[in-house]
Amino acid sequence: TTRYFTVSEYGVLSLISSTIILLMALCKFGLQHASVRYYEQLKSEGKLKELYSTAFFSTIAVSLCFIIIFMVAMIWILPHIGFGDVSHIRLIILVVCGIVLFQSALNIGFNFLRSEQRTKFYNISRVVFSGSSVGFSLIFIFFILRNLLGYYIGVLIANIMTMVWVLYVKFKENLINIKAVSISLLKEMVRYGF
């Protein structure tokens, strides 16, 4: 891939990768650990739907808040940091925000699998996610866009596909429903997560 990216694109790749790591830490908001911690207790009380729904929708809401703050900051900052034409960078940032949103949802799905001790499905899902990230990124880099945007679009597609695969069963079993979100459980989960 070195002949497809310019030196400046490698700098942008590094900066965006660091930004994704920071945003992911913020977007998780401690909910991923709390979802594992409260699983057995709420399962025995027959409240798994409340746990799954609260963890999933709260993660989405927190992620959207941080993504909006990030996007507003980037719209304001980008013209002042010397990237030249920022339209391409803005498009990459938009795709990266999608990655952060779907990766946050996917991580909650992975934690559900860990809580349920579905090791085989968890491991297969992780391998599928990693393999599809590499595969789609390479397809977009080598054959479609041939630039950094292609790399991130490939990662976004892998995130979406794996998230749908992991969370499909929970939605099908009606274990994730916005009406089942519990604010009191969310407060407990956030206290535990921090």
N, C-alpha and C. Protein backbone atom coordinates (compact mmCIF):
# COMPACT_ATOMS: atom_id res chain seq x y z
N THR A 1 0.80 -1.20 0.00
CA THR A 1 0.00 0.00 0.00
C THR A 1 0.84 1.27 0.00
N THR A 2 2.17 1.14 0.16
CA THR A 2 3.00 2.34 0.26
C THR A 2 2.97 3.17 -1.01
N ARG A 3 2.81 2.56 -2.16
CA ARG A 3 2.80 3.35 -3.39
C ARG A 3 1.44 4.00 -3.66
N TYR A 4 0.43 3.64 -2.88
CA TYR A 4 -0.89 4.23 -3.06
C TYR A 4 -1.10 5.46 -2.19
N PHE A 5 -0.41 5.53 -1.06
CA PHE A 5 -0.55 6.67 -0.15
C PHE A 5 0.64 7.60 -0.29
N THR A 6 0.36 8.89 -0.21
CA THR A 6 1.43 9.88 -0.20
C THR A 6 1.96 10.01 1.23
N VAL A 7 3.06 10.72 1.36
CA VAL A 7 3.64 10.95 2.68
C VAL A 7 2.64 11.69 3.57
N SER A 8 1.96 12.68 3.02
CA SER A 8 0.98 13.43 3.81
C SER A 8 -0.20 12.55 4.21
N GLU A 9 -0.60 11.61 3.34
CA GLU A 9 -1.69 10.70 3.70
C GLU A 9 -1.29 9.78 4.85
N TYR A 10 -0.02 9.38 4.90
CA TYR A 10 0.43 8.58 6.04
C TYR A 10 0.34 9.39 7.33
N GLY A 11 0.66 10.68 7.26
CA GLY A 11 0.50 11.55 8.42
C GLY A 11 -0.94 11.66 8.85
N VAL A 12 -1.84 11.82 7.87
CA VAL A 12 -3.27 11.89 8.16
C VAL A 12 -3.75 10.55 8.73
N LEU A 13 -3.28 9.44 8.18
CA LEU A 13 -3.64 8.11 8.68
C LEU A 13 -3.27 7.98 10.15
N SER A 14 -2.07 8.41 10.49
CA SER A 14 -1.61 8.34 11.88
C SER A 14 -2.46 9.22 12.79
N LEU A 15 -2.74 10.43 12.35
CA LEU A 15 -3.55 11.35 13.14
C LEU A 15 -4.97 10.81 13.32
N ILE A 16 -5.55 10.29 12.27
CA ILE A 16 -6.92 9.77 12.34
C ILE A 16 -6.98 8.51 13.20
N SER A 17 -5.97 7.65 13.09
CA SER A 17 -5.94 6.44 13.91
C SER A 17 -5.90 6.80 15.40
N SER A 18 -5.09 7.79 15.75
CA SER A 18 -5.03 8.25 17.14
C SER A 18 -6.36 8.84 17.57
N THR A 19 -7.00 9.57 16.68
CA THR A 19 -8.29 10.18 16.98
C THR A 19 -9.35 9.11 17.20
N ILE A 20 -9.34 8.07 16.38
CA ILE A 20 -10.31 6.98 16.54
C ILE A 20 -10.13 6.33 17.91
N ILE A 21 -8.89 6.09 18.30
CA ILE A 21 -8.63 5.47 19.61
C ILE A 21 -9.17 6.34 20.73
N LEU A 22 -8.94 7.65 20.65
CA LEU A 22 -9.44 8.57 21.67
C LEU A 22 -10.97 8.59 21.68
N LEU A 23 -11.57 8.73 20.50
CA LEU A 23 -13.04 8.77 20.43
C LEU A 23 -13.66 7.47 20.94
N MET A 24 -13.05 6.35 20.61
CA MET A 24 -13.60 5.07 21.06
C MET A 24 -13.56 4.97 22.58
N ALA A 25 -12.50 5.45 23.19
CA ALA A 25 -12.43 5.42 24.65
C ALA A 25 -13.54 6.28 25.26
N LEU A 26 -13.78 7.43 24.67
CA LEU A 26 -14.84 8.31 25.17
C LEU A 26 -16.22 7.70 24.92
N CYS A 27 -16.42 7.16 23.75
CA CYS A 27 -17.75 6.64 23.36
C CYS A 27 -18.16 5.41 24.16
N LYS A 28 -17.20 4.64 24.60
CA LYS A 28 -17.55 3.45 25.40
C LYS A 28 -18.14 3.85 26.74
N PHE A 29 -17.68 4.95 27.29
CA PHE A 29 -18.25 5.57 28.48
C PHE A 29 -18.35 4.60 29.66
N GLY A 30 -17.52 3.56 29.66
CA GLY A 30 -17.55 2.58 30.73
C GLY A 30 -18.67 1.57 30.62
N LEU A 31 -19.53 1.73 29.62
CA LEU A 31 -20.71 0.87 29.51
C LEU A 31 -20.36 -0.56 29.11
N GLN A 32 -19.26 -0.73 28.37
CA GLN A 32 -18.91 -2.07 27.92
C GLN A 32 -18.56 -2.96 29.11
N HIS A 33 -17.85 -2.42 30.10
CA HIS A 33 -17.51 -3.22 31.28
C HIS A 33 -18.73 -3.44 32.16
N ALA A 34 -19.55 -2.42 32.27
CA ALA A 34 -20.76 -2.54 33.08
C ALA A 34 -21.73 -3.58 32.50
N SER A 35 -21.78 -3.67 31.17
CA SER A 35 -22.68 -4.65 30.56
C SER A 35 -22.27 -6.07 30.92
N VAL A 36 -20.97 -6.31 31.04
CA VAL A 36 -20.48 -7.63 31.45
C VAL A 36 -20.74 -7.84 32.94
N ARG A 37 -20.49 -6.81 33.72
CA ARG A 37 -20.64 -6.89 35.18
C ARG A 37 -22.08 -7.17 35.60
N TYR A 38 -23.05 -6.53 34.98
CA TYR A 38 -24.45 -6.65 35.40
C TYR A 38 -25.18 -7.81 34.72
N TYR A 39 -24.53 -8.51 33.83
CA TYR A 39 -25.20 -9.55 33.06
C TYR A 39 -25.83 -10.62 33.95
N GLU A 40 -25.04 -11.26 34.80
CA GLU A 40 -25.55 -12.37 35.62
C GLU A 40 -26.66 -11.91 36.55
N GLN A 41 -26.46 -10.76 37.18
CA GLN A 41 -27.47 -10.24 38.10
C GLN A 41 -28.80 -10.00 37.39
N LEU A 42 -28.76 -9.32 36.26
CA LEU A 42 -30.00 -8.99 35.55
C LEU A 42 -30.59 -10.20 34.84
N LYS A 43 -29.74 -11.15 34.48
CA LYS A 43 -30.26 -12.39 33.89
C LYS A 43 -31.09 -13.15 34.93
N SER A 44 -30.58 -13.24 36.15
CA SER A 44 -31.31 -13.95 37.20
C SER A 44 -32.60 -13.23 37.58
N GLU A 45 -32.65 -11.91 37.36
CA GLU A 45 -33.86 -11.14 37.64
C GLU A 45 -34.80 -11.07 36.43
N GLY A 46 -34.40 -11.69 35.33
CA GLY A 46 -35.22 -11.67 34.12
C GLY A 46 -35.24 -10.32 33.43
N LYS A 47 -34.15 -9.57 33.54
CA LYS A 47 -34.09 -8.21 32.99
C LYS A 47 -33.00 -8.05 31.93
N LEU A 48 -32.73 -9.09 31.17
CA LEU A 48 -31.70 -8.98 30.13
C LEU A 48 -32.09 -7.97 29.06
N LYS A 49 -33.37 -7.91 28.73
CA LYS A 49 -33.82 -6.95 27.72
C LYS A 49 -33.50 -5.52 28.17
N GLU A 50 -33.68 -5.25 29.44
CA GLU A 50 -33.36 -3.93 30.00
C GLU A 50 -31.86 -3.66 29.89
N LEU A 51 -31.04 -4.66 30.23
CA LEU A 51 -29.58 -4.49 30.14
C LEU A 51 -29.14 -4.26 28.71
N TYR A 52 -29.55 -5.15 27.81
CA TYR A 52 -29.12 -5.03 26.42
C TYR A 52 -29.59 -3.71 25.80
N SER A 53 -30.82 -3.37 26.04
CA SER A 53 -31.38 -2.15 25.46
C SER A 53 -30.68 -0.91 26.01
N THR A 54 -30.50 -0.87 27.32
CA THR A 54 -29.85 0.28 27.95
C THR A 54 -28.41 0.41 27.47
N ALA A 55 -27.68 -0.68 27.46
CA ALA A 55 -26.28 -0.64 27.03
C ALA A 55 -26.17 -0.22 25.56
N PHE A 56 -26.99 -0.80 24.71
CA PHE A 56 -26.90 -0.53 23.28
C PHE A 56 -27.29 0.92 22.97
N PHE A 57 -28.49 1.33 23.36
CA PHE A 57 -28.95 2.66 22.99
C PHE A 57 -28.17 3.77 23.70
N SER A 58 -27.72 3.51 24.92
CA SER A 58 -26.90 4.51 25.61
C SER A 58 -25.55 4.67 24.93
N THR A 59 -24.97 3.58 24.48
CA THR A 59 -23.71 3.65 23.75
C THR A 59 -23.89 4.44 22.46
N ILE A 60 -24.97 4.19 21.75
CA ILE A 60 -25.25 4.94 20.52
C ILE A 60 -25.42 6.43 20.84
N ALA A 61 -26.17 6.75 21.89
CA ALA A 61 -26.42 8.16 22.24
C ALA A 61 -25.12 8.86 22.64
N VAL A 62 -24.32 8.21 23.48
CA VAL A 62 -23.05 8.80 23.91
C VAL A 62 -22.13 8.98 22.71
N SER A 63 -22.08 7.97 21.85
CA SER A 63 -21.24 8.04 20.65
C SER A 63 -21.65 9.21 19.76
N LEU A 64 -22.95 9.35 19.56
CA LEU A 64 -23.43 10.45 18.72
C LEU A 64 -23.06 11.81 19.32
N CYS A 65 -23.15 11.93 20.62
CA CYS A 65 -22.77 13.20 21.27
C CYS A 65 -21.30 13.52 21.02
N PHE A 66 -20.42 12.55 21.26
CA PHE A 66 -18.99 12.80 21.05
C PHE A 66 -18.66 13.00 19.57
N ILE A 67 -19.35 12.29 18.71
CA ILE A 67 -19.12 12.45 17.26
C ILE A 67 -19.52 13.86 16.81
N ILE A 68 -20.65 14.34 17.29
CA ILE A 68 -21.09 15.68 16.92
C ILE A 68 -20.10 16.73 17.42
N ILE A 69 -19.65 16.59 18.66
CA ILE A 69 -18.64 17.52 19.20
C ILE A 69 -17.38 17.47 18.35
N PHE A 70 -16.95 16.27 17.99
CA PHE A 70 -15.75 16.10 17.17
C PHE A 70 -15.93 16.73 15.80
N MET A 71 -17.08 16.49 15.18
CA MET A 71 -17.30 17.04 13.84
C MET A 71 -17.34 18.57 13.85
N VAL A 72 -18.01 19.14 14.84
CA VAL A 72 -18.05 20.60 14.96
C VAL A 72 -16.64 21.15 15.17
N ALA A 73 -15.88 20.50 16.03
CA ALA A 73 -14.50 20.93 16.28
C ALA A 73 -13.67 20.85 15.00
N MET A 74 -13.84 19.78 14.24
CA MET A 74 -13.05 19.63 13.00
C MET A 74 -13.46 20.66 11.95
N ILE A 75 -14.73 20.97 11.85
CA ILE A 75 -15.17 22.00 10.90
C ILE A 75 -14.53 23.33 11.25
N TRP A 76 -14.40 23.59 12.53
CA TRP A 76 -13.81 24.84 12.98
C TRP A 76 -12.28 24.84 12.88
N ILE A 77 -11.65 23.69 13.19
CA ILE A 77 -10.19 23.61 13.26
C ILE A 77 -9.53 23.40 11.90
N LEU A 78 -10.10 22.55 11.07
CA LEU A 78 -9.44 22.14 9.81
C LEU A 78 -8.92 23.30 8.96
N PRO A 79 -9.68 24.34 8.73
CA PRO A 79 -9.16 25.42 7.88
C PRO A 79 -7.94 26.13 8.46
N HIS A 80 -7.69 25.94 9.75
CA HIS A 80 -6.62 26.68 10.42
C HIS A 80 -5.35 25.86 10.65
N ILE A 81 -5.32 24.60 10.25
CA ILE A 81 -4.14 23.78 10.57
C ILE A 81 -3.31 23.41 9.35
N GLY A 82 -3.56 24.01 8.24
CA GLY A 82 -2.67 23.87 7.09
C GLY A 82 -2.79 22.61 6.28
N PHE A 83 -3.97 22.05 6.15
CA PHE A 83 -4.16 20.88 5.30
C PHE A 83 -4.41 21.26 3.84
N GLY A 84 -4.49 22.54 3.56
CA GLY A 84 -4.80 22.97 2.20
C GLY A 84 -6.26 22.72 1.90
N ASP A 85 -6.53 21.98 0.82
CA ASP A 85 -7.91 21.63 0.46
C ASP A 85 -8.43 20.61 1.47
N VAL A 86 -9.40 21.02 2.27
CA VAL A 86 -9.88 20.16 3.35
C VAL A 86 -11.13 19.37 2.98
N SER A 87 -11.64 19.52 1.76
CA SER A 87 -12.86 18.80 1.39
C SER A 87 -12.65 17.29 1.45
N HIS A 88 -11.49 16.82 1.01
CA HIS A 88 -11.17 15.38 1.07
C HIS A 88 -11.05 14.92 2.52
N ILE A 89 -10.42 15.74 3.35
CA ILE A 89 -10.26 15.40 4.76
C ILE A 89 -11.62 15.38 5.46
N ARG A 90 -12.49 16.32 5.12
CA ARG A 90 -13.82 16.34 5.72
C ARG A 90 -14.60 15.06 5.40
N LEU A 91 -14.45 14.57 4.19
CA LEU A 91 -15.12 13.33 3.80
C LEU A 91 -14.56 12.16 4.60
N ILE A 92 -13.24 12.13 4.77
CA ILE A 92 -12.62 11.08 5.58
C ILE A 92 -13.14 11.16 7.01
N ILE A 93 -13.23 12.36 7.56
CA ILE A 93 -13.71 12.54 8.94
C ILE A 93 -15.14 12.04 9.06
N LEU A 94 -15.96 12.30 8.08
CA LEU A 94 -17.34 11.82 8.09
C LEU A 94 -17.38 10.28 8.13
N VAL A 95 -16.56 9.64 7.31
CA VAL A 95 -16.49 8.18 7.30
C VAL A 95 -15.96 7.66 8.63
N VAL A 96 -14.95 8.35 9.18
CA VAL A 96 -14.38 7.95 10.47
C VAL A 96 -15.43 8.06 11.57
N CYS A 97 -16.26 9.07 11.53
CA CYS A 97 -17.34 9.19 12.52
C CYS A 97 -18.29 7.99 12.41
N GLY A 98 -18.56 7.54 11.20
CA GLY A 98 -19.36 6.33 11.02
C GLY A 98 -18.67 5.12 11.62
N ILE A 99 -17.36 5.03 11.42
CA ILE A 99 -16.59 3.92 12.00
C ILE A 99 -16.73 3.92 13.51
N VAL A 100 -16.56 5.09 14.12
CA VAL A 100 -16.63 5.19 15.58
C VAL A 100 -18.02 4.78 16.07
N LEU A 101 -19.05 5.24 15.40
CA LEU A 101 -20.42 4.91 15.81
C LEU A 101 -20.67 3.41 15.72
N PHE A 102 -20.36 2.82 14.56
CA PHE A 102 -20.64 1.39 14.38
C PHE A 102 -19.70 0.52 15.22
N GLN A 103 -18.46 0.95 15.41
CA GLN A 103 -17.52 0.19 16.25
C GLN A 103 -17.99 0.21 17.70
N SER A 104 -18.53 1.33 18.16
CA SER A 104 -19.06 1.40 19.53
C SER A 104 -20.19 0.39 19.70
N ALA A 105 -21.11 0.35 18.74
CA ALA A 105 -22.22 -0.61 18.81
C ALA A 105 -21.70 -2.04 18.72
N LEU A 106 -20.71 -2.25 17.87
CA LEU A 106 -20.13 -3.59 17.72
C LEU A 106 -19.47 -4.03 19.01
N ASN A 107 -18.76 -3.12 19.68
CA ASN A 107 -18.09 -3.49 20.93
C ASN A 107 -19.10 -3.90 22.00
N ILE A 108 -20.24 -3.22 22.05
CA ILE A 108 -21.28 -3.64 23.00
C ILE A 108 -21.78 -5.04 22.62
N GLY A 109 -21.95 -5.29 21.32
CA GLY A 109 -22.34 -6.63 20.87
C GLY A 109 -21.33 -7.69 21.27
N PHE A 110 -20.05 -7.37 21.12
CA PHE A 110 -18.99 -8.30 21.54
C PHE A 110 -19.07 -8.56 23.05
N ASN A 111 -19.36 -7.53 23.82
CA ASN A 111 -19.47 -7.71 25.26
C ASN A 111 -20.68 -8.55 25.64
N PHE A 112 -21.76 -8.44 24.88
CA PHE A 112 -22.90 -9.31 25.11
C PHE A 112 -22.47 -10.77 24.92
N LEU A 113 -21.73 -11.02 23.85
CA LEU A 113 -21.26 -12.39 23.58
C LEU A 113 -20.35 -12.89 24.70
N ARG A 114 -19.47 -12.03 25.18
CA ARG A 114 -18.58 -12.41 26.29
C ARG A 114 -19.40 -12.74 27.53
N SER A 115 -20.39 -11.90 27.82
CA SER A 115 -21.24 -12.12 29.00
C SER A 115 -21.97 -13.45 28.92
N GLU A 116 -22.45 -13.76 27.74
CA GLU A 116 -23.20 -15.01 27.53
C GLU A 116 -22.28 -16.22 27.42
N GLN A 117 -20.98 -15.97 27.46
CA GLN A 117 -19.95 -17.01 27.32
C GLN A 117 -20.10 -17.78 26.01
N ARG A 118 -20.41 -17.05 24.97
CA ARG A 118 -20.51 -17.63 23.62
C ARG A 118 -19.17 -17.45 22.93
N THR A 119 -18.18 -18.15 23.43
CA THR A 119 -16.79 -17.99 23.02
C THR A 119 -16.59 -18.26 21.54
N LYS A 120 -17.18 -19.32 21.04
CA LYS A 120 -16.98 -19.67 19.64
C LYS A 120 -17.51 -18.57 18.71
N PHE A 121 -18.75 -18.13 18.96
CA PHE A 121 -19.33 -17.07 18.14
C PHE A 121 -18.55 -15.76 18.30
N TYR A 122 -18.10 -15.47 19.52
CA TYR A 122 -17.30 -14.27 19.78
C TYR A 122 -16.00 -14.32 18.96
N ASN A 123 -15.28 -15.42 19.05
CA ASN A 123 -14.01 -15.54 18.34
C ASN A 123 -14.19 -15.51 16.82
N ILE A 124 -15.20 -16.20 16.33
CA ILE A 124 -15.47 -16.18 14.89
C ILE A 124 -15.80 -14.76 14.45
N SER A 125 -16.60 -14.06 15.25
CA SER A 125 -16.98 -12.68 14.93
C SER A 125 -15.76 -11.76 14.91
N ARG A 126 -14.86 -11.94 15.85
CA ARG A 126 -13.65 -11.11 15.89
C ARG A 126 -12.78 -11.38 14.65
N VAL A 127 -12.65 -12.64 14.28
CA VAL A 127 -11.86 -12.99 13.10
C VAL A 127 -12.52 -12.44 11.84
N VAL A 128 -13.84 -12.58 11.74
CA VAL A 128 -14.57 -12.05 10.58
C VAL A 128 -14.38 -10.54 10.51
N PHE A 129 -14.48 -9.86 11.65
CA PHE A 129 -14.30 -8.41 11.68
C PHE A 129 -12.90 -8.03 11.21
N SER A 130 -11.89 -8.66 11.76
CA SER A 130 -10.50 -8.33 11.38
C SER A 130 -10.25 -8.65 9.91
N GLY A 131 -10.67 -9.82 9.49
CA GLY A 131 -10.45 -10.22 8.09
C GLY A 131 -11.20 -9.34 7.11
N SER A 132 -12.44 -9.01 7.44
CA SER A 132 -13.21 -8.18 6.52
C SER A 132 -12.69 -6.74 6.51
N SER A 133 -12.18 -6.26 7.62
CA SER A 133 -11.57 -4.92 7.65
C SER A 133 -10.39 -4.86 6.69
N VAL A 134 -9.52 -5.84 6.79
CA VAL A 134 -8.36 -5.89 5.90
C VAL A 134 -8.82 -6.10 4.46
N GLY A 135 -9.70 -7.04 4.24
CA GLY A 135 -10.15 -7.36 2.89
C GLY A 135 -10.83 -6.19 2.19
N PHE A 136 -11.82 -5.60 2.84
CA PHE A 136 -12.51 -4.46 2.22
C PHE A 136 -11.59 -3.27 2.02
N SER A 137 -10.72 -3.03 2.99
CA SER A 137 -9.77 -1.91 2.85
C SER A 137 -8.87 -2.11 1.65
N LEU A 138 -8.35 -3.31 1.49
CA LEU A 138 -7.47 -3.58 0.36
C LEU A 138 -8.21 -3.47 -0.97
N ILE A 139 -9.44 -3.96 -1.01
CA ILE A 139 -10.24 -3.85 -2.24
C ILE A 139 -10.43 -2.39 -2.61
N PHE A 140 -10.78 -1.57 -1.63
CA PHE A 140 -11.00 -0.14 -1.91
C PHE A 140 -9.70 0.57 -2.24
N ILE A 141 -8.60 0.19 -1.57
CA ILE A 141 -7.32 0.85 -1.85
C ILE A 141 -6.80 0.47 -3.24
N PHE A 142 -6.84 -0.80 -3.57
CA PHE A 142 -6.21 -1.26 -4.81
C PHE A 142 -7.10 -1.14 -6.04
N PHE A 143 -8.42 -1.26 -5.87
CA PHE A 143 -9.27 -1.36 -7.05
C PHE A 143 -10.32 -0.26 -7.21
N ILE A 144 -10.69 0.42 -6.14
CA ILE A 144 -11.81 1.35 -6.27
C ILE A 144 -11.37 2.80 -6.12
N LEU A 145 -10.96 3.21 -4.93
CA LEU A 145 -10.63 4.62 -4.72
C LEU A 145 -9.14 4.93 -4.75
N ARG A 146 -8.33 3.95 -4.38
CA ARG A 146 -6.87 4.08 -4.41
C ARG A 146 -6.36 5.24 -3.57
N ASN A 147 -6.98 5.46 -2.42
CA ASN A 147 -6.50 6.51 -1.52
C ASN A 147 -6.92 6.19 -0.10
N LEU A 148 -6.63 7.13 0.79
CA LEU A 148 -6.92 6.95 2.21
C LEU A 148 -8.42 6.83 2.49
N LEU A 149 -9.22 7.55 1.76
CA LEU A 149 -10.66 7.45 1.92
C LEU A 149 -11.12 6.01 1.66
N GLY A 150 -10.55 5.37 0.65
CA GLY A 150 -10.89 3.99 0.35
C GLY A 150 -10.59 3.06 1.52
N TYR A 151 -9.46 3.30 2.17
CA TYR A 151 -9.10 2.50 3.34
C TYR A 151 -10.19 2.60 4.40
N TYR A 152 -10.58 3.83 4.72
CA TYR A 152 -11.57 4.01 5.78
C TYR A 152 -12.96 3.54 5.37
N ILE A 153 -13.31 3.64 4.12
CA ILE A 153 -14.60 3.11 3.67
C ILE A 153 -14.62 1.59 3.84
N GLY A 154 -13.50 0.94 3.53
CA GLY A 154 -13.40 -0.51 3.73
C GLY A 154 -13.58 -0.89 5.19
N VAL A 155 -12.96 -0.14 6.09
CA VAL A 155 -13.11 -0.40 7.53
C VAL A 155 -14.56 -0.16 7.97
N LEU A 156 -15.18 0.90 7.45
CA LEU A 156 -16.57 1.20 7.79
C LEU A 156 -17.50 0.06 7.36
N ILE A 157 -17.32 -0.44 6.15
CA ILE A 157 -18.15 -1.54 5.65
C ILE A 157 -17.98 -2.77 6.55
N ALA A 158 -16.75 -3.07 6.93
CA ALA A 158 -16.50 -4.22 7.81
C ALA A 158 -17.18 -4.02 9.16
N ASN A 159 -17.12 -2.81 9.70
CA ASN A 159 -17.78 -2.52 10.98
C ASN A 159 -19.28 -2.73 10.88
N ILE A 160 -19.88 -2.20 9.84
CA ILE A 160 -21.33 -2.32 9.68
C ILE A 160 -21.74 -3.78 9.53
N MET A 161 -21.05 -4.50 8.66
CA MET A 161 -21.41 -5.90 8.42
C MET A 161 -21.27 -6.73 9.69
N THR A 162 -20.18 -6.57 10.41
CA THR A 162 -19.97 -7.37 11.61
C THR A 162 -20.95 -6.98 12.70
N MET A 163 -21.23 -5.68 12.84
CA MET A 163 -22.19 -5.23 13.84
C MET A 163 -23.57 -5.83 13.56
N VAL A 164 -23.99 -5.79 12.31
CA VAL A 164 -25.30 -6.37 11.94
C VAL A 164 -25.31 -7.86 12.25
N TRP A 165 -24.23 -8.55 11.93
CA TRP A 165 -24.14 -9.98 12.19
C TRP A 165 -24.22 -10.28 13.69
N VAL A 166 -23.46 -9.55 14.50
CA VAL A 166 -23.41 -9.81 15.94
C VAL A 166 -24.72 -9.42 16.63
N LEU A 167 -25.31 -8.30 16.25
CA LEU A 167 -26.49 -7.80 16.95
C LEU A 167 -27.82 -8.28 16.36
N TYR A 168 -27.78 -8.88 15.19
CA TYR A 168 -29.00 -9.35 14.53
C TYR A 168 -29.82 -10.25 15.45
N VAL A 169 -29.16 -11.19 16.09
CA VAL A 169 -29.85 -12.16 16.94
C VAL A 169 -30.54 -11.45 18.11
N LYS A 170 -29.87 -10.47 18.69
CA LYS A 170 -30.46 -9.75 19.84
C LYS A 170 -31.72 -8.98 19.41
N PHE A 171 -31.66 -8.38 18.22
CA PHE A 171 -32.84 -7.69 17.73
C PHE A 171 -33.93 -8.70 17.38
N LYS A 172 -33.55 -9.81 16.78
CA LYS A 172 -34.52 -10.84 16.38
C LYS A 172 -35.22 -11.42 17.62
N GLU A 173 -34.47 -11.61 18.69
CA GLU A 173 -35.04 -12.13 19.93
C GLU A 173 -35.76 -11.05 20.73
N ASN A 174 -35.81 -9.84 20.16
CA ASN A 174 -36.43 -8.68 20.80
C ASN A 174 -35.78 -8.36 22.14
N LEU A 175 -34.47 -8.58 22.24
CA LEU A 175 -33.74 -8.24 23.46
C LEU A 175 -33.21 -6.81 23.43
N ILE A 176 -33.30 -6.16 22.28
CA ILE A 176 -32.90 -4.76 22.19
C ILE A 176 -34.11 -3.99 21.67
N ASN A 177 -34.63 -3.14 22.54
CA ASN A 177 -35.82 -2.36 22.22
C ASN A 177 -35.73 -1.03 22.96
N ILE A 178 -35.90 0.05 22.28
CA ILE A 178 -35.73 1.37 22.89
C ILE A 178 -36.68 1.59 24.07
N LYS A 179 -37.83 0.93 24.06
CA LYS A 179 -38.79 1.08 25.16
C LYS A 179 -38.29 0.41 26.45
N ALA A 180 -37.30 -0.45 26.35
CA ALA A 180 -36.79 -1.16 27.53
C ALA A 180 -35.60 -0.45 28.17
N VAL A 181 -35.20 0.70 27.66
CA VAL A 181 -34.07 1.44 28.23
C VAL A 181 -34.43 1.91 29.63
N SER A 182 -33.52 1.70 30.56
CA SER A 182 -33.74 2.08 31.96
C SER A 182 -32.73 3.16 32.36
N ILE A 183 -33.23 4.33 32.72
CA ILE A 183 -32.36 5.43 33.15
C ILE A 183 -31.67 5.08 34.47
N SER A 184 -32.39 4.44 35.37
CA SER A 184 -31.78 4.07 36.66
C SER A 184 -30.65 3.05 36.45
N LEU A 185 -30.86 2.09 35.54
CA LEU A 185 -29.80 1.14 35.23
C LEU A 185 -28.63 1.85 34.56
N LEU A 186 -28.92 2.78 33.68
CA LEU A 186 -27.85 3.54 33.03
C LEU A 186 -26.99 4.27 34.06
N LYS A 187 -27.62 4.89 35.03
CA LYS A 187 -26.87 5.59 36.08
C LYS A 187 -25.97 4.62 36.83
N GLU A 188 -26.50 3.46 37.17
CA GLU A 188 -25.69 2.43 37.85
C GLU A 188 -24.52 1.99 36.98
N MET A 189 -24.79 1.78 35.70
CA MET A 189 -23.75 1.32 34.78
C MET A 189 -22.65 2.36 34.62
N VAL A 190 -23.04 3.62 34.52
CA VAL A 190 -22.04 4.69 34.38
C VAL A 190 -21.22 4.81 35.65
N ARG A 191 -21.87 4.71 36.83
CA ARG A 191 -21.12 4.76 38.09
C ARG A 191 -20.10 3.61 38.15
N TYR A 192 -20.55 2.43 37.73
CA TYR A 192 -19.62 1.29 37.74
C TYR A 192 -18.50 1.48 36.72
N GLY A 193 -18.84 1.99 35.55
CA GLY A 193 -17.87 2.15 34.48
C GLY A 193 -16.79 3.16 34.76
N PHE A 194 -17.08 4.10 35.65
CA PHE A 194 -16.07 5.09 36.01
C PHE A 194 -15.57 4.82 37.39
